[in-house]
Amino acid sequence: MKKVISIALILVLVVAAFASCGNPQKKLLGTWKGDVEVLGITTSYEFTFNEDGTGKMTGVLGDTGVAFTYNIDDAGKLNIETEILTVKSTRTYSYSIEKDTLTLTLDSDGSVITLKKAVG
């Protein structure tokens, strides 16, 4: 009987461990805000990630923002694809989420954007 209980307990722990990993895309959902300084000019950014793989960035082209699609690839990289005036562009980011902070590091040049989760 002890063996059966031990096996059941191990199975419960394994299932709980996998459940806590979750879908990395779900952690991105919602709106994130922050400021980025380039050449002494500060720009406020806002990224909104929707559950369907779409989103919107503001701060890039003023208040109207830029629509995008996104995914997380097998290597754990965040790929954001935009289309501005029929020109498609994909940027690949390494990213991390610590509590309410999202850090995006652009793979092509190492530039960093730090954003805070918007509340409400």
N, C-alpha and C. Protein backbone atom coordinates (compact mmCIF):
# COMPACT_ATOMS: atom_id res chain seq x y z
N MET A 1 0.82 -1.19 0.00
CA MET A 1 0.00 0.00 0.00
C MET A 1 0.87 1.27 0.00
N LYS A 2 1.98 1.23 0.78
CA LYS A 2 2.87 2.39 0.82
C LYS A 2 3.44 2.68 -0.57
N LYS A 3 3.71 1.62 -1.31
CA LYS A 3 4.28 1.79 -2.64
C LYS A 3 3.28 2.49 -3.57
N VAL A 4 2.01 2.11 -3.49
CA VAL A 4 0.96 2.71 -4.32
C VAL A 4 0.81 4.19 -3.96
N ILE A 5 0.82 4.51 -2.68
CA ILE A 5 0.69 5.90 -2.24
C ILE A 5 1.90 6.71 -2.70
N SER A 6 3.09 6.13 -2.60
CA SER A 6 4.31 6.82 -3.04
C SER A 6 4.25 7.11 -4.54
N ILE A 7 3.83 6.14 -5.33
CA ILE A 7 3.74 6.34 -6.78
C ILE A 7 2.69 7.41 -7.10
N ALA A 8 1.55 7.37 -6.42
CA ALA A 8 0.51 8.36 -6.65
C ALA A 8 1.01 9.76 -6.29
N LEU A 9 1.74 9.87 -5.20
CA LEU A 9 2.28 11.16 -4.78
C LEU A 9 3.29 11.68 -5.81
N ILE A 10 4.13 10.82 -6.33
CA ILE A 10 5.11 11.22 -7.34
C ILE A 10 4.37 11.69 -8.60
N LEU A 11 3.34 10.97 -9.02
CA LEU A 11 2.58 11.38 -10.19
C LEU A 11 1.93 12.75 -10.00
N VAL A 12 1.40 12.99 -8.81
CA VAL A 12 0.79 14.29 -8.52
C VAL A 12 1.85 15.39 -8.60
N LEU A 13 3.03 15.17 -8.07
CA LEU A 13 4.11 16.16 -8.11
C LEU A 13 4.57 16.42 -9.54
N VAL A 14 4.67 15.37 -10.35
CA VAL A 14 5.08 15.54 -11.74
C VAL A 14 4.04 16.35 -12.51
N VAL A 15 2.77 16.04 -12.33
CA VAL A 15 1.69 16.78 -13.00
C VAL A 15 1.70 18.24 -12.55
N ALA A 16 1.88 18.49 -11.28
CA ALA A 16 1.93 19.86 -10.76
C ALA A 16 3.12 20.62 -11.34
N ALA A 17 4.25 19.95 -11.49
CA ALA A 17 5.43 20.61 -12.05
C ALA A 17 5.18 21.01 -13.50
N PHE A 18 4.58 20.12 -14.28
CA PHE A 18 4.28 20.47 -15.67
C PHE A 18 3.23 21.56 -15.76
N ALA A 19 2.25 21.55 -14.91
CA ALA A 19 1.21 22.57 -14.94
C ALA A 19 1.77 23.94 -14.59
N SER A 20 2.75 23.99 -13.70
CA SER A 20 3.31 25.28 -13.32
C SER A 20 4.16 25.89 -14.44
N CYS A 21 4.70 25.04 -15.34
CA CYS A 21 5.45 25.56 -16.47
C CYS A 21 4.54 26.36 -17.38
N GLY A 22 3.38 25.82 -17.66
CA GLY A 22 2.37 26.52 -18.44
C GLY A 22 2.83 26.91 -19.83
N ASN A 23 1.96 27.58 -20.51
CA ASN A 23 2.23 28.08 -21.85
C ASN A 23 2.95 29.41 -21.71
N PRO A 24 4.17 29.55 -22.26
CA PRO A 24 4.90 30.80 -22.09
C PRO A 24 4.18 31.99 -22.71
N GLN A 25 3.36 31.74 -23.73
CA GLN A 25 2.63 32.83 -24.36
C GLN A 25 1.62 33.44 -23.39
N LYS A 26 1.04 32.65 -22.52
CA LYS A 26 0.05 33.16 -21.57
C LYS A 26 0.64 34.20 -20.62
N LYS A 27 1.92 34.06 -20.29
CA LYS A 27 2.57 35.03 -19.41
C LYS A 27 2.68 36.40 -20.07
N LEU A 28 2.71 36.43 -21.40
CA LEU A 28 2.84 37.70 -22.13
C LEU A 28 1.52 38.46 -22.24
N LEU A 29 0.41 37.76 -22.11
CA LEU A 29 -0.89 38.37 -22.37
C LEU A 29 -1.11 39.63 -21.55
N GLY A 30 -1.71 40.62 -22.20
CA GLY A 30 -2.02 41.87 -21.53
C GLY A 30 -1.18 43.01 -22.08
N THR A 31 -1.20 44.12 -21.34
CA THR A 31 -0.52 45.33 -21.78
C THR A 31 0.67 45.60 -20.88
N TRP A 32 1.78 45.97 -21.51
CA TRP A 32 3.05 46.26 -20.85
C TRP A 32 3.48 47.66 -21.26
N LYS A 33 3.96 48.46 -20.31
CA LYS A 33 4.35 49.84 -20.60
C LYS A 33 5.76 50.13 -20.09
N GLY A 34 6.44 51.05 -20.80
CA GLY A 34 7.78 51.44 -20.36
C GLY A 34 8.32 52.56 -21.21
N ASP A 35 9.46 53.09 -20.80
CA ASP A 35 10.14 54.16 -21.51
C ASP A 35 11.48 53.66 -22.01
N VAL A 36 11.85 54.11 -23.21
CA VAL A 36 13.14 53.75 -23.80
C VAL A 36 13.82 55.05 -24.20
N GLU A 37 15.10 55.17 -23.83
CA GLU A 37 15.86 56.36 -24.19
C GLU A 37 16.86 56.00 -25.28
N VAL A 38 16.79 56.74 -26.39
CA VAL A 38 17.72 56.56 -27.51
C VAL A 38 18.25 57.93 -27.89
N LEU A 39 19.56 58.08 -27.85
CA LEU A 39 20.21 59.35 -28.20
C LEU A 39 19.64 60.53 -27.41
N GLY A 40 19.36 60.29 -26.14
CA GLY A 40 18.87 61.35 -25.26
C GLY A 40 17.39 61.65 -25.40
N ILE A 41 16.69 60.94 -26.26
CA ILE A 41 15.25 61.15 -26.45
C ILE A 41 14.51 59.97 -25.83
N THR A 42 13.59 60.26 -24.91
CA THR A 42 12.82 59.22 -24.24
C THR A 42 11.50 59.02 -24.97
N THR A 43 11.20 57.78 -25.28
CA THR A 43 9.95 57.41 -25.93
C THR A 43 9.20 56.44 -25.03
N SER A 44 7.92 56.70 -24.80
CA SER A 44 7.08 55.79 -24.03
C SER A 44 6.54 54.72 -24.96
N TYR A 45 6.68 53.48 -24.56
CA TYR A 45 6.19 52.35 -25.34
C TYR A 45 5.07 51.65 -24.61
N GLU A 46 4.21 51.03 -25.39
CA GLU A 46 3.16 50.18 -24.84
C GLU A 46 2.99 49.00 -25.79
N PHE A 47 3.12 47.81 -25.27
CA PHE A 47 2.91 46.59 -26.04
C PHE A 47 1.69 45.88 -25.47
N THR A 48 0.76 45.51 -26.34
CA THR A 48 -0.39 44.72 -25.92
C THR A 48 -0.34 43.40 -26.66
N PHE A 49 -0.34 42.30 -25.90
CA PHE A 49 -0.31 40.96 -26.46
C PHE A 49 -1.67 40.31 -26.24
N ASN A 50 -2.34 39.93 -27.33
CA ASN A 50 -3.63 39.27 -27.27
C ASN A 50 -3.46 37.77 -27.32
N GLU A 51 -4.46 37.06 -26.85
CA GLU A 51 -4.40 35.60 -26.78
C GLU A 51 -4.32 34.94 -28.16
N ASP A 52 -4.83 35.61 -29.20
CA ASP A 52 -4.85 35.01 -30.54
C ASP A 52 -3.56 35.22 -31.34
N GLY A 53 -2.50 35.71 -30.68
CA GLY A 53 -1.22 35.90 -31.37
C GLY A 53 -1.09 37.24 -32.08
N THR A 54 -2.03 38.15 -31.82
CA THR A 54 -1.94 39.50 -32.38
C THR A 54 -1.62 40.47 -31.26
N GLY A 55 -1.28 41.69 -31.65
CA GLY A 55 -1.00 42.69 -30.64
C GLY A 55 -0.85 44.06 -31.26
N LYS A 56 -0.46 45.01 -30.43
CA LYS A 56 -0.29 46.39 -30.90
C LYS A 56 0.80 47.04 -30.07
N MET A 57 1.68 47.81 -30.76
CA MET A 57 2.71 48.61 -30.10
C MET A 57 2.39 50.07 -30.33
N THR A 58 2.45 50.86 -29.29
CA THR A 58 2.39 52.31 -29.47
C THR A 58 3.73 52.87 -29.03
N GLY A 59 3.99 54.08 -29.49
CA GLY A 59 5.29 54.69 -29.22
C GLY A 59 6.21 54.57 -30.41
N VAL A 60 5.81 53.78 -31.40
CA VAL A 60 6.62 53.57 -32.59
C VAL A 60 6.24 54.60 -33.65
N LEU A 61 4.96 54.69 -33.94
CA LEU A 61 4.47 55.65 -34.92
C LEU A 61 3.42 56.55 -34.28
N GLY A 62 3.73 57.06 -33.11
CA GLY A 62 2.79 57.95 -32.44
C GLY A 62 1.69 57.18 -31.74
N ASP A 63 0.58 57.86 -31.52
CA ASP A 63 -0.51 57.29 -30.75
C ASP A 63 -1.27 56.19 -31.47
N THR A 64 -1.22 56.17 -32.82
CA THR A 64 -1.98 55.16 -33.54
C THR A 64 -1.39 53.77 -33.37
N GLY A 65 -0.11 53.67 -33.19
CA GLY A 65 0.54 52.40 -32.95
C GLY A 65 0.69 51.54 -34.19
N VAL A 66 1.25 50.37 -33.98
CA VAL A 66 1.51 49.43 -35.05
C VAL A 66 0.97 48.08 -34.63
N ALA A 67 0.14 47.48 -35.48
CA ALA A 67 -0.37 46.13 -35.22
C ALA A 67 0.75 45.13 -35.50
N PHE A 68 0.73 44.03 -34.78
CA PHE A 68 1.71 42.98 -35.01
C PHE A 68 1.12 41.61 -34.75
N THR A 69 1.81 40.60 -35.23
CA THR A 69 1.54 39.22 -34.83
C THR A 69 2.79 38.73 -34.11
N TYR A 70 2.61 37.75 -33.25
CA TYR A 70 3.75 37.26 -32.49
C TYR A 70 3.62 35.77 -32.22
N ASN A 71 4.77 35.17 -31.94
CA ASN A 71 4.80 33.77 -31.51
C ASN A 71 6.08 33.56 -30.71
N ILE A 72 6.09 32.47 -30.00
CA ILE A 72 7.29 32.04 -29.28
C ILE A 72 7.75 30.77 -29.97
N ASP A 73 8.98 30.80 -30.51
CA ASP A 73 9.45 29.65 -31.28
C ASP A 73 9.99 28.55 -30.36
N ASP A 74 10.42 27.46 -30.98
CA ASP A 74 10.91 26.31 -30.22
C ASP A 74 12.14 26.62 -29.38
N ALA A 75 12.89 27.66 -29.75
CA ALA A 75 14.08 28.06 -29.00
C ALA A 75 13.72 29.01 -27.85
N GLY A 76 12.42 29.30 -27.68
CA GLY A 76 11.99 30.19 -26.61
C GLY A 76 12.17 31.66 -26.94
N LYS A 77 12.31 31.99 -28.22
CA LYS A 77 12.47 33.38 -28.66
C LYS A 77 11.11 33.96 -29.02
N LEU A 78 10.94 35.24 -28.72
CA LEU A 78 9.71 35.95 -29.07
C LEU A 78 9.91 36.61 -30.43
N ASN A 79 9.09 36.25 -31.39
CA ASN A 79 9.15 36.80 -32.74
C ASN A 79 7.96 37.73 -32.93
N ILE A 80 8.22 38.99 -33.26
CA ILE A 80 7.17 39.98 -33.49
C ILE A 80 7.27 40.42 -34.94
N GLU A 81 6.17 40.22 -35.69
CA GLU A 81 6.14 40.59 -37.10
C GLU A 81 5.21 41.78 -37.29
N THR A 82 5.72 42.81 -37.94
CA THR A 82 4.92 44.00 -38.25
C THR A 82 4.86 44.17 -39.76
N GLU A 83 3.89 44.95 -40.19
CA GLU A 83 3.80 45.33 -41.60
C GLU A 83 3.46 46.81 -41.65
N ILE A 84 4.41 47.60 -42.14
CA ILE A 84 4.24 49.05 -42.25
C ILE A 84 4.38 49.40 -43.72
N LEU A 85 3.32 49.97 -44.28
CA LEU A 85 3.31 50.34 -45.70
C LEU A 85 3.72 49.18 -46.59
N THR A 86 3.14 48.02 -46.35
CA THR A 86 3.37 46.77 -47.09
C THR A 86 4.76 46.18 -46.92
N VAL A 87 5.56 46.73 -46.04
CA VAL A 87 6.89 46.17 -45.76
C VAL A 87 6.80 45.35 -44.47
N LYS A 88 7.01 44.04 -44.60
CA LYS A 88 6.98 43.16 -43.44
C LYS A 88 8.34 43.09 -42.78
N SER A 89 8.33 43.07 -41.48
CA SER A 89 9.57 42.99 -40.71
C SER A 89 9.35 42.08 -39.52
N THR A 90 10.29 41.20 -39.26
CA THR A 90 10.22 40.34 -38.08
C THR A 90 11.42 40.63 -37.19
N ARG A 91 11.13 40.90 -35.94
CA ARG A 91 12.19 41.10 -34.96
C ARG A 91 12.13 39.96 -33.96
N THR A 92 13.29 39.44 -33.64
CA THR A 92 13.39 38.33 -32.71
C THR A 92 14.01 38.82 -31.42
N TYR A 93 13.33 38.52 -30.32
CA TYR A 93 13.76 38.96 -28.99
C TYR A 93 14.01 37.77 -28.08
N SER A 94 15.05 37.88 -27.26
CA SER A 94 15.14 37.05 -26.07
C SER A 94 14.31 37.80 -25.05
N TYR A 95 13.59 37.10 -24.22
CA TYR A 95 12.75 37.81 -23.26
C TYR A 95 12.74 37.09 -21.92
N SER A 96 12.42 37.87 -20.91
CA SER A 96 12.24 37.28 -19.58
C SER A 96 11.12 38.04 -18.88
N ILE A 97 10.41 37.32 -18.05
CA ILE A 97 9.34 37.92 -17.24
C ILE A 97 9.65 37.61 -15.79
N GLU A 98 9.85 38.65 -15.01
CA GLU A 98 10.08 38.52 -13.57
C GLU A 98 9.01 39.33 -12.87
N LYS A 99 8.09 38.65 -12.21
CA LYS A 99 6.95 39.29 -11.55
C LYS A 99 6.20 40.15 -12.55
N ASP A 100 6.25 41.49 -12.41
CA ASP A 100 5.49 42.37 -13.30
C ASP A 100 6.38 43.09 -14.31
N THR A 101 7.58 42.55 -14.57
CA THR A 101 8.52 43.19 -15.49
C THR A 101 8.84 42.27 -16.67
N LEU A 102 8.66 42.81 -17.87
CA LEU A 102 8.99 42.12 -19.10
C LEU A 102 10.22 42.78 -19.69
N THR A 103 11.27 42.01 -19.92
CA THR A 103 12.49 42.53 -20.53
C THR A 103 12.65 41.89 -21.90
N LEU A 104 12.71 42.76 -22.92
CA LEU A 104 12.91 42.31 -24.30
C LEU A 104 14.30 42.72 -24.75
N THR A 105 15.08 41.76 -25.22
CA THR A 105 16.42 42.04 -25.75
C THR A 105 16.43 41.66 -27.22
N LEU A 106 16.60 42.65 -28.08
CA LEU A 106 16.60 42.42 -29.52
C LEU A 106 17.84 41.63 -29.90
N ASP A 107 17.63 40.47 -30.50
CA ASP A 107 18.75 39.59 -30.84
C ASP A 107 19.72 40.23 -31.83
N SER A 108 19.23 41.06 -32.74
CA SER A 108 20.09 41.60 -33.79
C SER A 108 21.11 42.61 -33.29
N ASP A 109 20.78 43.38 -32.24
CA ASP A 109 21.73 44.40 -31.78
C ASP A 109 21.87 44.50 -30.25
N GLY A 110 21.15 43.67 -29.52
CA GLY A 110 21.28 43.67 -28.07
C GLY A 110 20.56 44.79 -27.35
N SER A 111 19.81 45.63 -28.09
CA SER A 111 19.09 46.71 -27.41
C SER A 111 18.00 46.12 -26.51
N VAL A 112 17.75 46.81 -25.40
CA VAL A 112 16.87 46.28 -24.36
C VAL A 112 15.69 47.23 -24.15
N ILE A 113 14.50 46.64 -24.03
CA ILE A 113 13.30 47.37 -23.66
C ILE A 113 12.77 46.72 -22.39
N THR A 114 12.59 47.53 -21.34
CA THR A 114 12.04 47.02 -20.08
C THR A 114 10.64 47.60 -19.90
N LEU A 115 9.68 46.73 -19.69
CA LEU A 115 8.28 47.14 -19.58
C LEU A 115 7.67 46.61 -18.29
N LYS A 116 6.72 47.34 -17.75
CA LYS A 116 5.99 46.93 -16.56
C LYS A 116 4.57 46.55 -16.96
N LYS A 117 4.02 45.54 -16.32
CA LYS A 117 2.67 45.09 -16.60
C LYS A 117 1.70 46.20 -16.20
N ALA A 118 0.82 46.59 -17.12
CA ALA A 118 -0.19 47.61 -16.83
C ALA A 118 -1.30 46.97 -16.00
N VAL A 119 -1.77 47.70 -15.03
CA VAL A 119 -2.83 47.21 -14.15
C VAL A 119 -4.12 47.92 -14.54
N GLY A 120 -5.18 47.11 -14.69
CA GLY A 120 -6.49 47.70 -14.95
C GLY A 120 -6.76 48.07 -16.28
